[in-house]
Amino acid sequence: MYQPSKNENNAKSETKPSTNYVIFQLGSYPWQSQVEATSGSGILHEAQHDIFNAMDGIASYSIFPSGFARQKNQDMDRKDVRIYEMDSEVPEYSHPSGHRWAGVSEQYVNKFISDHEKLVYDFMQEIENTLEPGSEIQLFIAHHTCINSIIAKRVMKKRAANGYSVPKIVIFLHGTAMIMMANELKEVSLVESRELAPSERKWPSTFHKKLTELGVFDDCSKPGNANLAYAISEENMEVFTDLFPQFDKEKFILANPGYNSCFVPRPNMKLEDVLKEANLKHLGLTKEKTYDVRTDYKHMVVFVGQFVGWKRIDAVLRASRIWEKEFGDEILTLIVGKQKKEYNIELQNLNENLGNKNTCFVGPLMQSELAKLFAAASVCTFPSKAEPFGMVLIEALACGVPVIGADSGGPRDFMTNDVGYLVPESDDKKVFSENLAKAVIKAIKEDWKTKMSEECIRVAAPFSNTRKTKQLLEDTLAKIG
């Protein structure tokens, strides 16, 4: 069995001359950079890739897409990574409608799959040509349930036909792709019951249908099929089982995401100093509406997440109106995340109509920048509905900051009233927003940060990426040998 090296947290990926276990990862989102925002799964992919490569006897190789060729192979100049350079944004599974893969066409999907099939096949051959005689790729991790599962199946079929080995395949079940496929099935059901005409459907059941026809999840013992599935939460497993009931339930591994080493408590950092260093700007709809964020606040609430409906940024804005009335100009609310045009317009208009004066949209931030803001916050709130896991909550807890979320989905696996609060679910926006506001106001008035900080850090500690990745590989080897 491998042993993690002493420099596991800080080591960067380099191809090592002698390894006894080789891992290939196919990502769905870019790795975070100053020129490109990404999702939690993209951040997790990069972290696990580097941690694998810091372990003795392990080598990891990866491919990820980059929108508008923001990150390029020639710029990265690494033997262990390839980038699929795109001339458009990387599509997201969390399309505002909750349906089709970011609104792209079937032609786009087919090209994306065929391009990746060639890139993955060729890179795997290139890797194996550099390994010691007899060595080969032993584990293939496909991030997200749909697109990369199809690509993995096609690549392995080609490898088998050409006489190459077929490594074990693990599908990493991040939540957003499954939300999309669940919506596909709902539409199919409505069509079959004649409640929705085929012409009215937003998107045909392409991905679920393709995966079912390919039999990716049918027989876990068959080479080229999904042999294991990493689930980010218990609820994540249940959603996947509803989508693919034929999958062997013994082949799940609970793979909670972890937080990176930059998320640490900073008890001596003052909010004003952090805000001055961050030099944040409220990004309005036009240049005329953009302005510098004040730095003299007494309290700060932070939200981080994708600009999609189920993250419920609108609830944060409505709640912000309430806590701004309570604390006046002493409280700052930061909305952090990539601002998708249509939904951004809707949210910014809502924020303005509510009369919020100290609620600012600051765009996406690097993990190191975010960690400092978390540590300086009074409380962080992430009220997503049925959040698949809630890695952002864990990151905030690791900084010693209490969190307020929603009582649904993955956060229920680790949240207690000793580290924050989960607001009862309600489809009534007014009720939910008011309860969210009450919780935040209570947290600030009762100084939960001081009282709960130590417990927050303790609860988060088992979720460090280093620990989680090491355990994940141990569990994988125990399952598949």
Protein backbone atom coordinates (compact mmCIF):
# COMPACT_ATOMS: atom_id res chain seq x y z
CA MET A 1 0.00 0.00 0.00
CA TYR A 2 1.22 3.52 -0.80
CA GLN A 3 2.17 6.06 1.83
CA PRO A 4 1.49 9.80 1.33
CA SER A 5 4.65 11.87 1.08
CA LYS A 6 5.58 14.50 3.65
CA ASN A 7 4.88 17.29 1.16
CA GLU A 8 1.45 15.96 0.19
CA ASN A 9 -0.36 19.26 0.70
CA ASN A 10 1.96 21.40 -1.37
CA ALA A 11 3.37 19.17 -4.07
CA LYS A 12 2.54 20.01 -7.65
CA SER A 13 1.92 17.38 -10.31
CA GLU A 14 4.90 16.09 -12.22
CA THR A 15 5.16 12.84 -14.13
CA LYS A 16 7.22 10.48 -11.99
CA PRO A 17 9.57 7.91 -13.56
CA SER A 18 8.47 4.96 -11.40
CA THR A 19 4.87 4.29 -10.36
CA ASN A 20 2.82 1.22 -9.56
CA TYR A 21 -0.68 2.69 -9.87
CA VAL A 22 -1.76 5.00 -12.68
CA ILE A 23 -4.97 7.04 -12.64
CA PHE A 24 -6.61 8.90 -15.55
CA GLN A 25 -9.24 11.58 -14.83
CA LEU A 26 -11.63 13.18 -17.31
CA GLY A 27 -13.11 16.45 -16.05
CA SER A 28 -16.23 18.33 -17.13
CA TYR A 29 -15.17 21.80 -16.02
CA PRO A 30 -11.95 23.84 -16.20
CA TRP A 31 -9.49 24.10 -13.36
CA GLN A 32 -9.74 27.45 -11.65
CA SER A 33 -7.48 30.23 -12.89
CA GLN A 34 -7.35 34.01 -12.92
CA VAL A 35 -8.82 33.95 -16.44
CA GLU A 36 -11.54 31.37 -15.96
CA ALA A 37 -14.11 30.74 -13.25
CA THR A 38 -15.21 27.19 -12.60
CA SER A 39 -17.48 24.96 -10.55
CA GLY A 40 -16.81 23.05 -7.35
CA SER A 41 -16.26 19.85 -9.33
CA GLY A 42 -13.51 21.55 -11.36
CA ILE A 43 -11.77 22.69 -8.19
CA LEU A 44 -12.15 19.22 -6.67
CA HIS A 45 -10.76 17.54 -9.80
CA GLU A 46 -7.59 19.66 -9.72
CA ALA A 47 -7.08 19.14 -5.98
CA GLN A 48 -7.43 15.37 -6.20
CA HIS A 49 -5.15 15.23 -9.23
CA ASP A 50 -2.36 17.02 -7.35
CA ILE A 51 -2.87 15.02 -4.15
CA PHE A 52 -2.74 11.73 -6.05
CA ASN A 53 0.52 12.82 -7.63
CA ALA A 54 1.97 13.73 -4.25
CA MET A 55 1.49 10.13 -3.05
CA ASP A 56 4.34 7.66 -3.35
CA GLY A 57 3.74 5.11 -6.08
CA ILE A 58 0.77 6.95 -7.62
CA ALA A 59 0.57 8.90 -10.89
CA SER A 60 -2.44 10.88 -12.05
CA TYR A 61 -3.13 12.28 -15.52
CA SER A 62 -6.04 14.53 -16.45
CA ILE A 63 -7.97 16.20 -19.24
CA PHE A 64 -10.31 19.15 -18.71
CA PRO A 65 -12.08 21.61 -21.06
CA SER A 66 -11.41 25.35 -21.18
CA GLY A 67 -13.83 27.90 -22.63
CA PHE A 68 -12.72 30.30 -25.33
CA ALA A 69 -9.29 28.60 -25.02
CA ARG A 70 -8.61 30.65 -21.89
CA GLN A 71 -6.31 27.98 -20.56
CA LYS A 72 -4.06 26.48 -23.22
CA ASN A 73 -1.88 23.40 -23.41
CA GLN A 74 1.13 25.48 -24.43
CA ASP A 75 0.68 27.80 -21.44
CA MET A 76 0.27 25.00 -18.92
CA ASP A 77 3.28 23.03 -20.27
CA ARG A 78 2.66 19.94 -18.11
CA LYS A 79 3.15 16.32 -19.05
CA ASP A 80 0.35 15.16 -16.78
CA VAL A 81 -2.45 17.40 -18.11
CA ARG A 82 -4.17 18.05 -21.43
CA ILE A 83 -6.73 20.78 -22.09
CA TYR A 84 -9.59 20.54 -24.55
CA GLU A 85 -9.44 24.07 -25.93
CA MET A 86 -12.92 25.31 -26.82
CA ASP A 87 -14.04 28.30 -28.87
CA SER A 88 -17.03 28.84 -26.58
CA GLU A 89 -17.91 28.75 -22.90
CA VAL A 90 -17.78 25.33 -21.27
CA PRO A 91 -21.45 24.25 -21.06
CA GLU A 92 -22.89 23.83 -17.58
CA TYR A 93 -25.34 21.21 -16.39
CA SER A 94 -27.10 23.76 -14.18
CA HIS A 95 -28.79 25.57 -17.01
CA PRO A 96 -31.22 28.14 -15.53
CA SER A 97 -34.17 26.10 -16.76
CA GLY A 98 -32.75 23.01 -15.08
CA HIS A 99 -32.98 21.13 -18.35
CA ARG A 100 -30.73 20.77 -21.36
CA TRP A 101 -26.96 20.96 -21.11
CA ALA A 102 -26.58 24.76 -21.14
CA GLY A 103 -28.87 25.03 -24.16
CA VAL A 104 -26.45 23.47 -26.67
CA SER A 105 -27.56 21.58 -29.77
CA GLU A 106 -27.40 17.85 -30.46
CA GLN A 107 -24.75 18.60 -33.10
CA TYR A 108 -22.65 20.36 -30.47
CA VAL A 109 -23.00 17.41 -28.09
CA ASN A 110 -21.94 14.90 -30.75
CA LYS A 111 -18.86 16.93 -31.69
CA PHE A 112 -17.90 17.39 -28.05
CA ILE A 113 -18.09 13.64 -27.48
CA SER A 114 -16.22 12.65 -30.65
CA ASP A 115 -13.47 15.24 -30.05
CA HIS A 116 -12.99 13.98 -26.50
CA GLU A 117 -13.02 10.35 -27.59
CA LYS A 118 -9.99 10.99 -29.80
CA LEU A 119 -8.21 13.23 -27.28
CA VAL A 120 -8.67 10.77 -24.42
CA TYR A 121 -7.72 7.72 -26.50
CA ASP A 122 -4.55 9.36 -27.83
CA PHE A 123 -3.48 10.76 -24.46
CA MET A 124 -3.93 7.36 -22.79
CA GLN A 125 -1.72 5.78 -25.42
CA GLU A 126 0.86 8.54 -25.00
CA ILE A 127 0.90 8.02 -21.22
CA GLU A 128 1.31 4.26 -21.46
CA ASN A 129 4.18 4.66 -23.92
CA THR A 130 6.12 6.56 -21.21
CA LEU A 131 5.47 4.04 -18.42
CA GLU A 132 7.78 1.22 -17.42
CA PRO A 133 7.29 -2.05 -19.36
CA GLY A 134 4.22 -3.85 -18.08
CA SER A 135 2.69 -0.72 -16.53
CA GLU A 136 -0.65 0.63 -17.70
CA ILE A 137 -3.50 2.89 -16.65
CA GLN A 138 -5.44 1.02 -13.98
CA LEU A 139 -8.19 3.47 -13.01
CA PHE A 140 -10.30 5.84 -15.13
CA ILE A 141 -12.32 8.47 -13.22
CA ALA A 142 -15.03 10.24 -15.23
CA HIS A 143 -16.36 13.35 -13.51
CA HIS A 144 -20.13 13.87 -13.83
CA THR A 145 -22.67 11.29 -14.78
CA CYS A 146 -23.59 11.88 -18.39
CA ILE A 147 -21.17 13.27 -21.02
CA ASN A 148 -17.98 11.77 -19.62
CA SER A 149 -19.66 8.43 -18.93
CA ILE A 150 -20.49 8.21 -22.64
CA ILE A 151 -16.95 9.21 -23.62
CA ALA A 152 -15.43 6.63 -21.24
CA LYS A 153 -17.61 3.86 -22.67
CA ARG A 154 -16.66 4.72 -26.26
CA VAL A 155 -12.94 5.02 -25.49
CA MET A 156 -12.85 1.67 -23.72
CA LYS A 157 -14.67 -0.03 -26.59
CA LYS A 158 -12.04 1.32 -28.99
CA ARG A 159 -9.17 0.28 -26.70
CA ALA A 160 -10.54 -3.26 -26.41
CA ALA A 161 -10.99 -3.52 -30.19
CA ASN A 162 -7.37 -2.46 -30.71
CA GLY A 163 -5.96 -4.88 -28.17
CA TYR A 164 -5.26 -2.43 -25.34
CA SER A 165 -6.16 -2.99 -21.70
CA VAL A 166 -9.43 -1.58 -20.32
CA PRO A 167 -8.94 0.04 -16.89
CA LYS A 168 -11.59 0.02 -14.19
CA ILE A 169 -14.04 2.91 -14.62
CA VAL A 170 -15.38 5.06 -11.80
CA ILE A 171 -18.12 7.61 -12.43
CA PHE A 172 -17.99 10.59 -10.07
CA LEU A 173 -21.63 11.44 -9.34
CA HIS A 174 -21.66 15.21 -8.99
CA GLY A 175 -25.20 16.43 -8.48
CA THR A 176 -25.96 18.91 -11.25
CA ALA A 177 -25.89 16.45 -14.15
CA MET A 178 -28.33 14.22 -12.33
CA ILE A 179 -30.69 17.14 -11.71
CA MET A 180 -30.72 17.67 -15.46
CA MET A 181 -31.45 14.00 -16.21
CA ALA A 182 -34.17 13.87 -13.56
CA ASN A 183 -35.83 16.78 -15.37
CA GLU A 184 -35.47 14.90 -18.66
CA LEU A 185 -37.41 11.99 -17.21
CA LYS A 186 -40.11 14.30 -15.85
CA GLU A 187 -40.63 15.69 -19.34
CA VAL A 188 -40.83 12.20 -20.82
CA SER A 189 -43.41 11.28 -18.20
CA LEU A 190 -45.47 14.37 -18.98
CA VAL A 191 -45.39 13.59 -22.70
CA GLU A 192 -46.42 9.99 -22.12
CA SER A 193 -49.30 11.10 -19.92
CA ARG A 194 -50.25 13.66 -22.59
CA GLU A 195 -49.90 16.53 -20.14
CA LEU A 196 -47.20 18.02 -22.34
CA ALA A 197 -47.10 17.82 -26.11
CA PRO A 198 -43.78 16.70 -27.66
CA SER A 199 -43.55 20.08 -29.41
CA GLU A 200 -43.63 21.80 -26.01
CA ARG A 201 -40.74 19.85 -24.54
CA LYS A 202 -37.66 21.88 -23.68
CA TRP A 203 -35.28 19.03 -24.37
CA PRO A 204 -35.54 15.38 -25.39
CA SER A 205 -34.22 12.81 -22.94
CA THR A 206 -30.89 12.60 -24.73
CA PHE A 207 -28.38 11.83 -22.00
CA HIS A 208 -30.40 9.44 -19.90
CA LYS A 209 -31.55 7.69 -23.04
CA LYS A 210 -28.01 7.42 -24.44
CA LEU A 211 -26.58 6.10 -21.19
CA THR A 212 -29.38 3.55 -20.92
CA GLU A 213 -28.92 2.40 -24.53
CA LEU A 214 -25.15 2.10 -24.04
CA GLY A 215 -25.69 0.08 -20.88
CA VAL A 216 -23.03 2.06 -19.02
CA PHE A 217 -24.56 1.24 -15.63
CA ASP A 218 -25.99 -2.21 -16.38
CA ASP A 219 -23.31 -4.70 -15.32
CA CYS A 220 -20.60 -3.39 -12.99
CA SER A 221 -18.40 -6.44 -13.61
CA LYS A 222 -18.21 -5.85 -17.36
CA PRO A 223 -15.06 -4.12 -18.70
CA GLY A 224 -15.91 -0.75 -20.21
CA ASN A 225 -18.96 -0.24 -18.00
CA ALA A 226 -19.04 1.80 -14.82
CA ASN A 227 -17.40 -0.52 -12.30
CA LEU A 228 -17.80 1.88 -9.36
CA ALA A 229 -19.55 5.15 -8.58
CA TYR A 230 -18.33 7.90 -6.26
CA ALA A 231 -21.31 9.61 -4.60
CA ILE A 232 -20.78 12.98 -2.93
CA SER A 233 -23.59 12.33 -0.41
CA GLU A 234 -26.08 9.68 0.68
CA GLU A 235 -28.86 11.58 -1.08
CA ASN A 236 -26.68 11.67 -4.19
CA MET A 237 -26.76 7.86 -4.21
CA GLU A 238 -30.54 7.83 -3.91
CA VAL A 239 -31.02 10.22 -6.85
CA PHE A 240 -28.69 8.15 -9.01
CA THR A 241 -30.47 4.92 -8.03
CA ASP A 242 -33.79 6.43 -9.12
CA LEU A 243 -32.24 7.28 -12.48
CA PHE A 244 -30.43 3.97 -12.97
CA PRO A 245 -32.02 1.32 -10.71
CA GLN A 246 -30.06 -1.45 -12.46
CA PHE A 247 -26.74 -0.21 -11.00
CA ASP A 248 -25.30 -2.49 -8.31
CA LYS A 249 -25.80 -0.74 -4.97
CA GLU A 250 -22.73 -2.51 -3.58
CA LYS A 251 -20.57 -0.54 -6.00
CA PHE A 252 -21.11 2.90 -4.46
CA ILE A 253 -18.35 4.64 -2.54
CA LEU A 254 -19.23 7.68 -0.44
CA ALA A 255 -16.85 10.37 -1.68
CA ASN A 256 -17.65 13.61 0.14
CA PRO A 257 -15.76 16.50 -1.46
CA GLY A 258 -13.08 18.17 0.62
CA TYR A 259 -11.64 21.62 1.11
CA ASN A 260 -8.23 22.86 0.01
CA SER A 261 -5.44 23.84 2.40
CA CYS A 262 -6.00 27.60 1.93
CA PHE A 263 -9.22 27.39 3.99
CA VAL A 264 -7.94 27.99 7.51
CA PRO A 265 -8.98 30.20 10.45
CA ARG A 266 -7.45 33.66 10.55
CA PRO A 267 -8.53 34.92 14.01
CA ASN A 268 -6.33 38.01 14.00
CA MET A 269 -7.50 39.36 10.65
CA LYS A 270 -9.79 42.38 10.85
CA LEU A 271 -12.70 42.71 8.44
CA GLU A 272 -11.61 46.19 7.34
CA ASP A 273 -8.10 44.99 6.52
CA VAL A 274 -9.41 42.01 4.56
CA LEU A 275 -11.76 44.20 2.52
CA LYS A 276 -9.01 46.71 1.79
CA GLU A 277 -6.72 43.95 0.57
CA ALA A 278 -9.47 42.35 -1.50
CA ASN A 279 -10.27 45.64 -3.27
CA LEU A 280 -13.71 44.38 -4.27
CA LYS A 281 -15.97 46.01 -6.81
CA HIS A 282 -19.73 45.70 -7.12
CA LEU A 283 -20.16 44.60 -10.75
CA GLY A 284 -23.27 46.31 -12.02
CA LEU A 285 -25.10 45.72 -15.28
CA THR A 286 -23.20 48.59 -16.84
CA LYS A 287 -19.86 50.28 -16.19
CA GLU A 288 -21.75 53.27 -14.82
CA LYS A 289 -23.28 51.10 -12.08
CA THR A 290 -19.98 49.52 -11.00
CA TYR A 291 -18.47 50.88 -7.80
CA ASP A 292 -15.88 50.11 -5.11
CA VAL A 293 -17.11 48.16 -2.10
CA ARG A 294 -16.76 50.04 1.18
CA THR A 295 -14.29 48.67 3.70
CA ASP A 296 -15.61 50.02 7.02
CA TYR A 297 -18.33 47.46 7.74
CA LYS A 298 -18.77 45.86 11.16
CA HIS A 299 -20.44 42.63 9.94
CA MET A 300 -20.23 40.63 6.71
CA VAL A 301 -22.42 37.88 5.24
CA VAL A 302 -21.01 35.86 2.32
CA PHE A 303 -22.80 33.78 -0.32
CA VAL A 304 -20.88 31.79 -2.95
CA GLY A 305 -22.43 29.76 -5.73
CA GLN A 306 -23.46 29.35 -9.33
CA PHE A 307 -26.02 31.78 -10.71
CA VAL A 308 -28.78 29.18 -11.03
CA GLY A 309 -32.27 29.11 -9.57
CA TRP A 310 -31.85 26.26 -7.11
CA LYS A 311 -28.98 28.08 -5.36
CA ARG A 312 -31.68 30.58 -4.27
CA ILE A 313 -29.67 33.79 -4.53
CA ASP A 314 -33.04 35.55 -4.72
CA ALA A 315 -33.78 34.35 -1.17
CA VAL A 316 -30.47 35.81 0.01
CA LEU A 317 -31.38 39.15 -1.58
CA ARG A 318 -34.83 39.19 0.04
CA ALA A 319 -33.33 38.22 3.39
CA SER A 320 -30.63 40.85 2.96
CA ARG A 321 -33.31 43.53 2.85
CA ILE A 322 -34.41 42.38 6.31
CA TRP A 323 -30.99 42.26 7.91
CA GLU A 324 -30.03 45.59 6.32
CA LYS A 325 -33.02 47.11 8.14
CA GLU A 326 -31.73 45.54 11.37
CA PHE A 327 -28.06 46.52 11.07
CA GLY A 328 -28.21 49.45 8.65
CA ASP A 329 -24.93 50.43 7.00
CA GLU A 330 -22.93 48.25 9.39
CA ILE A 331 -23.56 45.04 7.43
CA LEU A 332 -22.19 43.98 4.04
CA THR A 333 -23.55 41.10 1.98
CA LEU A 334 -21.31 39.66 -0.75
CA ILE A 335 -22.71 37.64 -3.65
CA VAL A 336 -19.74 35.75 -5.10
CA GLY A 337 -19.93 33.78 -8.34
CA LYS A 338 -19.88 33.88 -12.09
CA GLN A 339 -22.61 36.24 -13.25
CA LYS A 340 -24.59 34.64 -16.08
CA LYS A 341 -26.09 37.40 -18.16
CA GLU A 342 -29.84 36.69 -18.10
CA TYR A 343 -30.09 35.57 -14.49
CA ASN A 344 -27.68 38.28 -13.38
CA ILE A 345 -29.97 40.94 -14.86
CA GLU A 346 -32.93 39.43 -13.03
CA LEU A 347 -31.08 39.27 -9.70
CA GLN A 348 -29.52 42.72 -9.99
CA ASN A 349 -32.92 44.22 -10.75
CA LEU A 350 -34.41 42.40 -7.77
CA ASN A 351 -31.61 43.67 -5.54
CA GLU A 352 -32.21 47.23 -6.71
CA ASN A 353 -35.99 46.99 -6.38
CA LEU A 354 -35.62 45.68 -2.83
CA GLY A 355 -33.61 48.78 -2.00
CA ASN A 356 -30.55 46.89 -0.78
CA LYS A 357 -27.71 49.37 -0.34
CA ASN A 358 -24.98 47.10 0.98
CA THR A 359 -25.52 43.90 -1.00
CA CYS A 360 -22.84 43.60 -3.66
CA PHE A 361 -22.21 41.30 -6.63
CA VAL A 362 -18.44 40.87 -6.88
CA GLY A 363 -18.06 38.10 -9.48
CA PRO A 364 -16.00 34.90 -9.12
CA LEU A 365 -12.96 34.80 -6.84
CA MET A 366 -9.96 32.51 -6.54
CA GLN A 367 -9.98 30.03 -3.67
CA SER A 368 -7.24 31.87 -1.77
CA GLU A 369 -9.21 35.15 -2.00
CA LEU A 370 -12.42 33.45 -0.95
CA ALA A 371 -10.74 31.83 2.06
CA LYS A 372 -9.78 35.23 3.49
CA LEU A 373 -13.31 36.58 3.05
CA PHE A 374 -14.78 33.50 4.74
CA ALA A 375 -12.43 33.88 7.69
CA ALA A 376 -13.43 37.54 8.09
CA ALA A 377 -17.18 36.95 7.72
CA SER A 378 -19.62 36.96 10.63
CA VAL A 379 -21.60 34.17 8.98
CA CYS A 380 -21.85 32.49 5.58
CA THR A 381 -25.14 31.48 4.01
CA PHE A 382 -25.74 28.94 1.24
CA PRO A 383 -29.49 28.21 1.10
CA SER A 384 -29.51 25.94 -1.99
CA LYS A 385 -32.51 23.69 -2.35
CA ALA A 386 -31.41 20.03 -2.11
CA GLU A 387 -27.72 20.90 -2.43
CA PRO A 388 -26.01 17.66 -3.59
CA PHE A 389 -23.34 17.97 -0.91
CA GLY A 390 -22.35 21.48 0.15
CA MET A 391 -18.59 21.80 -0.21
CA VAL A 392 -18.79 25.59 0.20
CA LEU A 393 -20.31 25.09 3.65
CA ILE A 394 -17.39 22.87 4.61
CA GLU A 395 -14.89 25.45 3.32
CA ALA A 396 -16.50 28.15 5.48
CA LEU A 397 -16.54 25.87 8.54
CA ALA A 398 -12.84 25.15 8.02
CA CYS A 399 -12.26 28.90 8.36
CA GLY A 400 -14.02 28.83 11.74
CA VAL A 401 -17.19 30.52 10.49
CA PRO A 402 -20.76 29.32 11.20
CA VAL A 403 -22.95 28.58 8.20
CA ILE A 404 -26.67 28.84 7.48
CA GLY A 405 -28.13 26.63 4.78
CA ALA A 406 -31.37 24.86 3.92
CA ASP A 407 -32.68 21.73 5.58
CA SER A 408 -32.44 19.52 2.50
CA GLY A 409 -29.82 17.60 0.57
CA GLY A 410 -26.20 16.89 1.48
CA PRO A 411 -25.68 19.50 4.25
CA ARG A 412 -27.86 17.44 6.57
CA ASP A 413 -25.08 14.82 6.60
CA PHE A 414 -22.70 17.05 8.56
CA MET A 415 -24.53 20.13 9.84
CA THR A 416 -25.64 20.53 13.47
CA ASN A 417 -26.87 23.49 15.50
CA ASP A 418 -23.39 23.64 17.06
CA VAL A 419 -21.93 25.01 13.80
CA GLY A 420 -24.88 26.96 12.37
CA TYR A 421 -28.43 26.33 11.28
CA LEU A 422 -30.44 24.73 8.49
CA VAL A 423 -33.55 26.74 7.60
CA PRO A 424 -36.72 24.62 7.23
CA GLU A 425 -37.65 24.09 3.60
CA SER A 426 -40.60 26.03 2.21
CA ASP A 427 -41.82 26.69 -1.31
CA ASP A 428 -43.14 30.03 -0.07
CA LYS A 429 -40.35 32.45 -1.01
CA LYS A 430 -41.47 35.04 1.53
CA VAL A 431 -41.54 32.56 4.41
CA PHE A 432 -38.20 30.99 3.49
CA SER A 433 -36.48 34.38 3.07
CA GLU A 434 -37.83 35.64 6.38
CA ASN A 435 -36.62 32.52 8.20
CA LEU A 436 -33.23 32.84 6.53
CA ALA A 437 -33.00 36.46 7.67
CA LYS A 438 -33.99 35.58 11.23
CA ALA A 439 -31.24 32.97 11.40
CA VAL A 440 -28.55 35.35 10.11
CA ILE A 441 -29.65 38.14 12.46
CA LYS A 442 -29.62 35.71 15.39
CA ALA A 443 -26.15 34.45 14.42
CA ILE A 444 -24.73 37.98 14.39
CA LYS A 445 -26.47 39.24 17.52
CA GLU A 446 -25.48 36.16 19.52
CA ASP A 447 -21.94 36.18 18.07
CA TRP A 448 -22.06 32.61 16.83
CA LYS A 449 -18.66 33.08 15.24
CA THR A 450 -16.91 33.45 18.58
CA LYS A 451 -19.01 30.77 20.28
CA MET A 452 -18.95 28.20 17.45
CA SER A 453 -15.58 28.74 15.79
CA GLU A 454 -13.78 25.90 17.53
CA GLU A 455 -16.56 23.41 16.77
CA CYS A 456 -16.76 24.60 13.14
CA ILE A 457 -13.07 23.80 12.67
CA ARG A 458 -13.47 20.41 14.36
CA VAL A 459 -16.45 19.41 12.16
CA ALA A 460 -14.63 20.46 8.98
CA ALA A 461 -11.30 18.78 9.78
CA PRO A 462 -12.19 15.27 8.47
CA PHE A 463 -13.15 16.85 5.13
CA SER A 464 -9.72 18.13 4.13
CA ASN A 465 -8.96 17.17 0.53
CA THR A 466 -5.77 15.43 1.58
CA ARG A 467 -7.61 13.14 3.99
CA LYS A 468 -10.57 12.58 1.69
CA THR A 469 -8.48 11.76 -1.38
CA LYS A 470 -6.26 9.33 0.51
CA GLN A 471 -9.31 7.57 1.95
CA LEU A 472 -11.03 7.54 -1.44
CA LEU A 473 -8.15 5.69 -3.07
CA GLU A 474 -7.98 3.21 -0.19
CA ASP A 475 -11.72 2.52 -0.51
CA THR A 476 -11.39 2.16 -4.29
CA LEU A 477 -8.55 -0.35 -4.07
CA ALA A 478 -10.50 -2.31 -1.48
CA LYS A 479 -13.47 -2.53 -3.86
CA ILE A 480 -11.72 -3.33 -7.12
CA GLY A 481 -8.24 -4.49 -6.08
